[in-house]
Amino acid sequence: MGLGSLFKRKKKEKQEDAVVDSHIDINTQDCDACEKCTIACPNNVLIIVDGKSAVRDPQVCKSCKVCMAICPSDCITVN
């Protein structure tokens, strides 16, 4: 038993960083995998998986909405 065990310590609450997650919705039924969104994304967030667009890492997204603007099928929504 050490000296530190004699004193009660208040546990510090973990404060998680306030990371604003960008929410990206992709309507995969309308996506024809033209790759325009993956090429246009300045942060390299989108990839093509199994012939459809998919989100690689939503935390990297800066919500610039370039993917929404360039999608010919209007199947991407960034909130």
PDB file of N, CA and C in Angstrom:
ATOM      1  N   MET A   1       0.847  -1.164   0.000  1.00  0.00           N
ATOM      2  CA  MET A   1       0.000   0.000   0.000  1.00  0.00           C
ATOM      3  C   MET A   1       0.895   1.230   0.000  1.00  0.00           C
ATOM      4  N   GLY A   2       0.763   2.037  -1.034  1.00  0.00           N
ATOM      5  CA  GLY A   2       1.614   3.215  -1.151  1.00  0.00           C
ATOM      6  C   GLY A   2       0.948   4.439  -0.566  1.00  0.00           C
ATOM      7  N   LEU A   3       1.727   5.501  -0.459  1.00  0.00           N
ATOM      8  CA  LEU A   3       1.238   6.750   0.098  1.00  0.00           C
ATOM      9  C   LEU A   3       0.097   7.328  -0.728  1.00  0.00           C
ATOM     10  N   GLY A   4       0.128   7.120  -2.017  1.00  0.00           N
ATOM     11  CA  GLY A   4      -0.914   7.645  -2.913  1.00  0.00           C
ATOM     12  C   GLY A   4      -2.281   7.034  -2.644  1.00  0.00           C
ATOM     13  N   SER A   5      -2.316   5.844  -2.094  1.00  0.00           N
ATOM     14  CA  SER A   5      -3.600   5.194  -1.847  1.00  0.00           C
ATOM     15  C   SER A   5      -4.334   5.778  -0.639  1.00  0.00           C
ATOM     16  N   LEU A   6      -3.654   6.600   0.163  1.00  0.00           N
ATOM     17  CA  LEU A   6      -4.284   7.205   1.330  1.00  0.00           C
ATOM     18  C   LEU A   6      -5.161   8.403   0.971  1.00  0.00           C
ATOM     19  N   PHE A   7      -4.918   8.976  -0.198  1.00  0.00           N
ATOM     20  CA  PHE A   7      -5.656  10.165  -0.610  1.00  0.00           C
ATOM     21  C   PHE A   7      -6.655   9.806  -1.696  1.00  0.00           C
ATOM     22  N   LYS A   8      -7.842  10.323  -1.561  1.00  0.00           N
ATOM     23  CA  LYS A   8      -8.843  10.096  -2.596  1.00  0.00           C
ATOM     24  C   LYS A   8      -8.617  11.089  -3.723  1.00  0.00           C
ATOM     25  N   ARG A   9      -8.582  10.581  -4.892  1.00  0.00           N
ATOM     26  CA  ARG A   9      -8.400  11.433  -6.060  1.00  0.00           C
ATOM     27  C   ARG A   9      -9.693  11.471  -6.847  1.00  0.00           C
ATOM     28  N   LYS A  10      -9.999  12.635  -7.313  1.00  0.00           N
ATOM     29  CA  LYS A  10     -11.150  12.746  -8.194  1.00  0.00           C
ATOM     30  C   LYS A  10     -10.717  12.335  -9.593  1.00  0.00           C
ATOM     31  N   LYS A  11     -11.485  11.464 -10.142  1.00  0.00           N
ATOM     32  CA  LYS A  11     -11.171  11.036 -11.501  1.00  0.00           C
ATOM     33  C   LYS A  11     -11.549  12.139 -12.468  1.00  0.00           C
ATOM     34  N   LYS A  12     -10.628  12.438 -13.322  1.00  0.00           N
ATOM     35  CA  LYS A  12     -10.901  13.446 -14.338  1.00  0.00           C
ATOM     36  C   LYS A  12     -11.779  12.829 -15.408  1.00  0.00           C
ATOM     37  N   GLU A  13     -12.809  13.561 -15.743  1.00  0.00           N
ATOM     38  CA  GLU A  13     -13.681  13.071 -16.799  1.00  0.00           C
ATOM     39  C   GLU A  13     -12.999  13.276 -18.132  1.00  0.00           C
ATOM     40  N   LYS A  14     -13.087  12.285 -18.935  1.00  0.00           N
ATOM     41  CA  LYS A  14     -12.495  12.386 -20.261  1.00  0.00           C
ATOM     42  C   LYS A  14     -13.322  13.335 -21.114  1.00  0.00           C
ATOM     43  N   GLN A  15     -12.648  14.304 -21.638  1.00  0.00           N
ATOM     44  CA  GLN A  15     -13.316  15.225 -22.543  1.00  0.00           C
ATOM     45  C   GLN A  15     -12.893  14.868 -23.950  1.00  0.00           C
ATOM     46  N   GLU A  16     -13.813  14.327 -24.659  1.00  0.00           N
ATOM     47  CA  GLU A  16     -13.513  13.955 -26.029  1.00  0.00           C
ATOM     48  C   GLU A  16     -13.474  15.198 -26.888  1.00  0.00           C
ATOM     49  N   ASP A  17     -12.597  15.171 -27.855  1.00  0.00           N
ATOM     50  CA  ASP A  17     -12.501  16.296 -28.774  1.00  0.00           C
ATOM     51  C   ASP A  17     -13.812  16.457 -29.508  1.00  0.00           C
ATOM     52  N   ALA A  18     -14.208  17.688 -29.663  1.00  0.00           N
ATOM     53  CA  ALA A  18     -15.468  17.982 -30.343  1.00  0.00           C
ATOM     54  C   ALA A  18     -15.254  17.892 -31.850  1.00  0.00           C
ATOM     55  N   VAL A  19     -15.269  16.685 -32.346  1.00  0.00           N
ATOM     56  CA  VAL A  19     -15.088  16.460 -33.772  1.00  0.00           C
ATOM     57  C   VAL A  19     -16.466  16.419 -34.408  1.00  0.00           C
ATOM     58  N   VAL A  20     -16.664  17.265 -35.368  1.00  0.00           N
ATOM     59  CA  VAL A  20     -17.936  17.296 -36.068  1.00  0.00           C
ATOM     60  C   VAL A  20     -17.856  16.300 -37.209  1.00  0.00           C
ATOM     61  N   ASP A  21     -18.606  15.221 -37.086  1.00  0.00           N
ATOM     62  CA  ASP A  21     -18.602  14.215 -38.138  1.00  0.00           C
ATOM     63  C   ASP A  21     -19.478  14.670 -39.286  1.00  0.00           C
ATOM     64  N   SER A  22     -18.912  14.623 -40.441  1.00  0.00           N
ATOM     65  CA  SER A  22     -19.690  14.942 -41.625  1.00  0.00           C
ATOM     66  C   SER A  22     -20.496  13.706 -41.975  1.00  0.00           C
ATOM     67  N   HIS A  23     -21.756  13.897 -42.183  1.00  0.00           N
ATOM     68  CA  HIS A  23     -22.601  12.762 -42.507  1.00  0.00           C
ATOM     69  C   HIS A  23     -22.809  12.731 -44.015  1.00  0.00           C
ATOM     70  N   ILE A  24     -22.371  11.679 -44.635  1.00  0.00           N
ATOM     71  CA  ILE A  24     -22.469  11.529 -46.081  1.00  0.00           C
ATOM     72  C   ILE A  24     -23.392  10.362 -46.381  1.00  0.00           C
ATOM     73  N   ASP A  25     -24.470  10.631 -47.096  1.00  0.00           N
ATOM     74  CA  ASP A  25     -25.392   9.580 -47.521  1.00  0.00           C
ATOM     75  C   ASP A  25     -25.216   9.340 -49.006  1.00  0.00           C
ATOM     76  N   ILE A  26     -25.100   8.075 -49.380  1.00  0.00           N
ATOM     77  CA  ILE A  26     -24.979   7.702 -50.785  1.00  0.00           C
ATOM     78  C   ILE A  26     -26.099   6.731 -51.117  1.00  0.00           C
ATOM     79  N   ASN A  27     -26.916   7.109 -52.078  1.00  0.00           N
ATOM     80  CA  ASN A  27     -27.974   6.229 -52.553  1.00  0.00           C
ATOM     81  C   ASN A  27     -27.332   5.256 -53.545  1.00  0.00           C
ATOM     82  N   THR A  28     -26.991   4.077 -53.054  1.00  0.00           N
ATOM     83  CA  THR A  28     -26.253   3.122 -53.874  1.00  0.00           C
ATOM     84  C   THR A  28     -27.088   2.536 -55.008  1.00  0.00           C
ATOM     85  N   GLN A  29     -28.404   2.626 -54.902  1.00  0.00           N
ATOM     86  CA  GLN A  29     -29.249   2.116 -55.987  1.00  0.00           C
ATOM     87  C   GLN A  29     -29.135   2.978 -57.230  1.00  0.00           C
ATOM     88  N   ASP A  30     -28.946   4.287 -57.037  1.00  0.00           N
ATOM     89  CA  ASP A  30     -28.833   5.192 -58.175  1.00  0.00           C
ATOM     90  C   ASP A  30     -27.400   5.399 -58.640  1.00  0.00           C
ATOM     91  N   CYS A  31     -26.422   4.985 -57.855  1.00  0.00           N
ATOM     92  CA  CYS A  31     -25.009   5.188 -58.184  1.00  0.00           C
ATOM     93  C   CYS A  31     -24.592   4.259 -59.319  1.00  0.00           C
ATOM     94  N   ASP A  32     -23.977   4.861 -60.356  1.00  0.00           N
ATOM     95  CA  ASP A  32     -23.490   4.037 -61.469  1.00  0.00           C
ATOM     96  C   ASP A  32     -21.967   3.970 -61.502  1.00  0.00           C
ATOM     97  N   ALA A  33     -21.309   4.369 -60.410  1.00  0.00           N
ATOM     98  CA  ALA A  33     -19.851   4.280 -60.241  1.00  0.00           C
ATOM     99  C   ALA A  33     -19.095   4.979 -61.368  1.00  0.00           C
ATOM    100  N   CYS A  34     -19.508   6.189 -61.674  1.00  0.00           N
ATOM    101  CA  CYS A  34     -18.840   6.953 -62.728  1.00  0.00           C
ATOM    102  C   CYS A  34     -17.484   7.491 -62.268  1.00  0.00           C
ATOM    103  N   GLU A  35     -17.195   7.443 -60.979  1.00  0.00           N
ATOM    104  CA  GLU A  35     -15.950   7.863 -60.342  1.00  0.00           C
ATOM    105  C   GLU A  35     -15.717   9.368 -60.355  1.00  0.00           C
ATOM    106  N   LYS A  36     -16.708  10.151 -60.755  1.00  0.00           N
ATOM    107  CA  LYS A  36     -16.537  11.603 -60.766  1.00  0.00           C
ATOM    108  C   LYS A  36     -16.384  12.136 -59.347  1.00  0.00           C
ATOM    109  N   CYS A  37     -17.131  11.592 -58.409  1.00  0.00           N
ATOM    110  CA  CYS A  37     -17.047  12.053 -57.014  1.00  0.00           C
ATOM    111  C   CYS A  37     -15.701  11.692 -56.391  1.00  0.00           C
ATOM    112  N   THR A  38     -15.191  10.512 -56.697  1.00  0.00           N
ATOM    113  CA  THR A  38     -13.915  10.091 -56.121  1.00  0.00           C
ATOM    114  C   THR A  38     -12.762  10.921 -56.662  1.00  0.00           C
ATOM    115  N   ILE A  39     -12.855  11.322 -57.906  1.00  0.00           N
ATOM    116  CA  ILE A  39     -11.810  12.148 -58.518  1.00  0.00           C
ATOM    117  C   ILE A  39     -11.904  13.588 -58.020  1.00  0.00           C
ATOM    118  N   ALA A  40     -13.123  14.095 -57.869  1.00  0.00           N
ATOM    119  CA  ALA A  40     -13.323  15.498 -57.503  1.00  0.00           C
ATOM    120  C   ALA A  40     -13.086  15.781 -56.026  1.00  0.00           C
ATOM    121  N   CYS A  41     -13.217  14.804 -55.163  1.00  0.00           N
ATOM    122  CA  CYS A  41     -13.089  15.028 -53.719  1.00  0.00           C
ATOM    123  C   CYS A  41     -11.671  15.476 -53.365  1.00  0.00           C
ATOM    124  N   PRO A  42     -11.531  16.688 -52.819  1.00  0.00           N
ATOM    125  CA  PRO A  42     -10.191  17.179 -52.480  1.00  0.00           C
ATOM    126  C   PRO A  42      -9.559  16.477 -51.277  1.00  0.00           C
ATOM    127  N   ASN A  43     -10.368  15.790 -50.484  1.00  0.00           N
ATOM    128  CA  ASN A  43      -9.864  15.110 -49.286  1.00  0.00           C
ATOM    129  C   ASN A  43      -9.790  13.597 -49.432  1.00  0.00           C
ATOM    130  N   ASN A  44     -10.093  13.099 -50.615  1.00  0.00           N
ATOM    131  CA  ASN A  44      -9.988  11.664 -50.913  1.00  0.00           C
ATOM    132  C   ASN A  44     -10.834  10.831 -49.949  1.00  0.00           C
ATOM    133  N   VAL A  45     -12.077  11.256 -49.755  1.00  0.00           N
ATOM    134  CA  VAL A  45     -12.980  10.598 -48.808  1.00  0.00           C
ATOM    135  C   VAL A  45     -13.722   9.435 -49.456  1.00  0.00           C
ATOM    136  N   LEU A  46     -14.038   9.551 -50.734  1.00  0.00           N
ATOM    137  CA  LEU A  46     -14.871   8.546 -51.405  1.00  0.00           C
ATOM    138  C   LEU A  46     -14.031   7.564 -52.214  1.00  0.00           C
ATOM    139  N   ILE A  47     -14.513   6.324 -52.263  1.00  0.00           N
ATOM    140  CA  ILE A  47     -13.875   5.273 -53.057  1.00  0.00           C
ATOM    141  C   ILE A  47     -14.969   4.480 -53.760  1.00  0.00           C
ATOM    142  N   ILE A  48     -14.582   3.689 -54.737  1.00  0.00           N
ATOM    143  CA  ILE A  48     -15.510   2.797 -55.428  1.00  0.00           C
ATOM    144  C   ILE A  48     -15.303   1.384 -54.879  1.00  0.00           C
ATOM    145  N   VAL A  49     -16.369   0.801 -54.345  1.00  0.00           N
ATOM    146  CA  VAL A  49     -16.328  -0.556 -53.803  1.00  0.00           C
ATOM    147  C   VAL A  49     -17.477  -1.346 -54.415  1.00  0.00           C
ATOM    148  N   ASP A  50     -17.161  -2.451 -55.025  1.00  0.00           N
ATOM    149  CA  ASP A  50     -18.156  -3.325 -55.652  1.00  0.00           C
ATOM    150  C   ASP A  50     -19.042  -2.573 -56.643  1.00  0.00           C
ATOM    151  N   GLY A  51     -18.462  -1.674 -57.408  1.00  0.00           N
ATOM    152  CA  GLY A  51     -19.207  -0.962 -58.431  1.00  0.00           C
ATOM    153  C   GLY A  51     -20.111   0.143 -57.916  1.00  0.00           C
ATOM    154  N   LYS A  52     -19.887   0.600 -56.683  1.00  0.00           N
ATOM    155  CA  LYS A  52     -20.679   1.674 -56.087  1.00  0.00           C
ATOM    156  C   LYS A  52     -19.756   2.603 -55.310  1.00  0.00           C
ATOM    157  N   SER A  53     -20.143   3.871 -55.179  1.00  0.00           N
ATOM    158  CA  SER A  53     -19.385   4.805 -54.361  1.00  0.00           C
ATOM    159  C   SER A  53     -19.577   4.466 -52.891  1.00  0.00           C
ATOM    160  N   ALA A  54     -18.516   4.641 -52.113  1.00  0.00           N
ATOM    161  CA  ALA A  54     -18.573   4.372 -50.679  1.00  0.00           C
ATOM    162  C   ALA A  54     -17.689   5.386 -49.965  1.00  0.00           C
ATOM    163  N   VAL A  55     -17.952   5.578 -48.682  1.00  0.00           N
ATOM    164  CA  VAL A  55     -17.191   6.511 -47.869  1.00  0.00           C
ATOM    165  C   VAL A  55     -16.025   5.766 -47.228  1.00  0.00           C
ATOM    166  N   ARG A  56     -14.826   6.274 -47.480  1.00  0.00           N
ATOM    167  CA  ARG A  56     -13.629   5.664 -46.898  1.00  0.00           C
ATOM    168  C   ARG A  56     -13.487   6.060 -45.429  1.00  0.00           C
ATOM    169  N   ASP A  57     -13.518   7.363 -45.155  1.00  0.00           N
ATOM    170  CA  ASP A  57     -13.362   7.859 -43.788  1.00  0.00           C
ATOM    171  C   ASP A  57     -14.168   9.139 -43.632  1.00  0.00           C
ATOM    172  N   PRO A  58     -15.340   9.080 -42.995  1.00  0.00           N
ATOM    173  CA  PRO A  58     -16.196  10.270 -42.898  1.00  0.00           C
ATOM    174  C   PRO A  58     -15.607  11.391 -42.049  1.00  0.00           C
ATOM    175  N   GLN A  59     -14.660  11.091 -41.180  1.00  0.00           N
ATOM    176  CA  GLN A  59     -14.059  12.121 -40.345  1.00  0.00           C
ATOM    177  C   GLN A  59     -13.120  13.030 -41.129  1.00  0.00           C
ATOM    178  N   VAL A  60     -12.669  12.574 -42.268  1.00  0.00           N
ATOM    179  CA  VAL A  60     -11.764  13.373 -43.103  1.00  0.00           C
ATOM    180  C   VAL A  60     -12.548  14.384 -43.934  1.00  0.00           C
ATOM    181  N   CYS A  61     -13.824  14.132 -44.129  1.00  0.00           N
ATOM    182  CA  CYS A  61     -14.673  15.001 -44.939  1.00  0.00           C
ATOM    183  C   CYS A  61     -14.788  16.389 -44.321  1.00  0.00           C
ATOM    184  N   LYS A  62     -14.602  17.418 -45.140  1.00  0.00           N
ATOM    185  CA  LYS A  62     -14.696  18.810 -44.690  1.00  0.00           C
ATOM    186  C   LYS A  62     -16.011  19.461 -45.099  1.00  0.00           C
ATOM    187  N   SER A  63     -16.946  18.673 -45.571  1.00  0.00           N
ATOM    188  CA  SER A  63     -18.276  19.136 -45.976  1.00  0.00           C
ATOM    189  C   SER A  63     -18.232  20.209 -47.056  1.00  0.00           C
ATOM    190  N   CYS A  64     -17.325  20.065 -48.004  1.00  0.00           N
ATOM    191  CA  CYS A  64     -17.234  21.048 -49.084  1.00  0.00           C
ATOM    192  C   CYS A  64     -18.328  20.843 -50.132  1.00  0.00           C
ATOM    193  N   LYS A  65     -18.923  19.671 -50.156  1.00  0.00           N
ATOM    194  CA  LYS A  65     -20.043  19.304 -51.024  1.00  0.00           C
ATOM    195  C   LYS A  65     -19.708  19.312 -52.520  1.00  0.00           C
ATOM    196  N   VAL A  66     -18.437  19.147 -52.840  1.00  0.00           N
ATOM    197  CA  VAL A  66     -18.033  19.029 -54.236  1.00  0.00           C
ATOM    198  C   VAL A  66     -18.597  17.749 -54.836  1.00  0.00           C
ATOM    199  N   CYS A  67     -18.632  16.689 -54.050  1.00  0.00           N
ATOM    200  CA  CYS A  67     -19.156  15.410 -54.529  1.00  0.00           C
ATOM    201  C   CYS A  67     -20.637  15.529 -54.896  1.00  0.00           C
ATOM    202  N   MET A  68     -21.380  16.280 -54.101  1.00  0.00           N
ATOM    203  CA  MET A  68     -22.812  16.493 -54.388  1.00  0.00           C
ATOM    204  C   MET A  68     -22.982  17.251 -55.697  1.00  0.00           C
ATOM    205  N   ALA A  69     -22.152  18.248 -55.887  1.00  0.00           N
ATOM    206  CA  ALA A  69     -22.280  19.104 -57.070  1.00  0.00           C
ATOM    207  C   ALA A  69     -21.909  18.369 -58.353  1.00  0.00           C
ATOM    208  N   ILE A  70     -20.969  17.455 -58.281  1.00  0.00           N
ATOM    209  CA  ILE A  70     -20.475  16.818 -59.501  1.00  0.00           C
ATOM    210  C   ILE A  70     -21.208  15.525 -59.847  1.00  0.00           C
ATOM    211  N   CYS A  71     -21.949  14.965 -58.907  1.00  0.00           N
ATOM    212  CA  CYS A  71     -22.627  13.685 -59.131  1.00  0.00           C
ATOM    213  C   CYS A  71     -23.739  13.841 -60.177  1.00  0.00           C
ATOM    214  N   PRO A  72     -23.633  13.148 -61.315  1.00  0.00           N
ATOM    215  CA  PRO A  72     -24.663  13.260 -62.333  1.00  0.00           C
ATOM    216  C   PRO A  72     -25.975  12.573 -61.951  1.00  0.00           C
ATOM    217  N   SER A  73     -25.924  11.647 -61.005  1.00  0.00           N
ATOM    218  CA  SER A  73     -27.104  10.905 -60.590  1.00  0.00           C
ATOM    219  C   SER A  73     -27.785  11.514 -59.362  1.00  0.00           C
ATOM    220  N   ASP A  74     -27.206  12.551 -58.800  1.00  0.00           N
ATOM    221  CA  ASP A  74     -27.715  13.186 -57.572  1.00  0.00           C
ATOM    222  C   ASP A  74     -27.944  12.159 -56.456  1.00  0.00           C
ATOM    223  N   CYS A  75     -26.994  11.261 -56.272  1.00  0.00           N
ATOM    224  CA  CYS A  75     -27.171  10.222 -55.271  1.00  0.00           C
ATOM    225  C   CYS A  75     -26.348  10.463 -53.994  1.00  0.00           C
ATOM    226  N   ILE A  76     -25.643  11.603 -53.914  1.00  0.00           N
ATOM    227  CA  ILE A  76     -24.830  11.901 -52.738  1.00  0.00           C
ATOM    228  C   ILE A  76     -25.436  13.092 -52.004  1.00  0.00           C
ATOM    229  N   THR A  77     -25.568  12.947 -50.675  1.00  0.00           N
ATOM    230  CA  THR A  77     -26.054  14.022 -49.831  1.00  0.00           C
ATOM    231  C   THR A  77     -25.089  14.201 -48.675  1.00  0.00           C
ATOM    232  N   VAL A  78     -24.625  15.440 -48.463  1.00  0.00           N
ATOM    233  CA  VAL A  78     -23.737  15.755 -47.353  1.00  0.00           C
ATOM    234  C   VAL A  78     -24.485  16.694 -46.427  1.00  0.00           C
ATOM    235  N   ASN A  79     -24.663  16.267 -45.181  1.00  0.00           N
ATOM    236  CA  ASN A  79     -25.356  17.097 -44.182  1.00  0.00           C
ATOM    237  C   ASN A  79     -24.349  17.750 -43.265  1.00  0.00           C
TER     238      ASN A  79
END
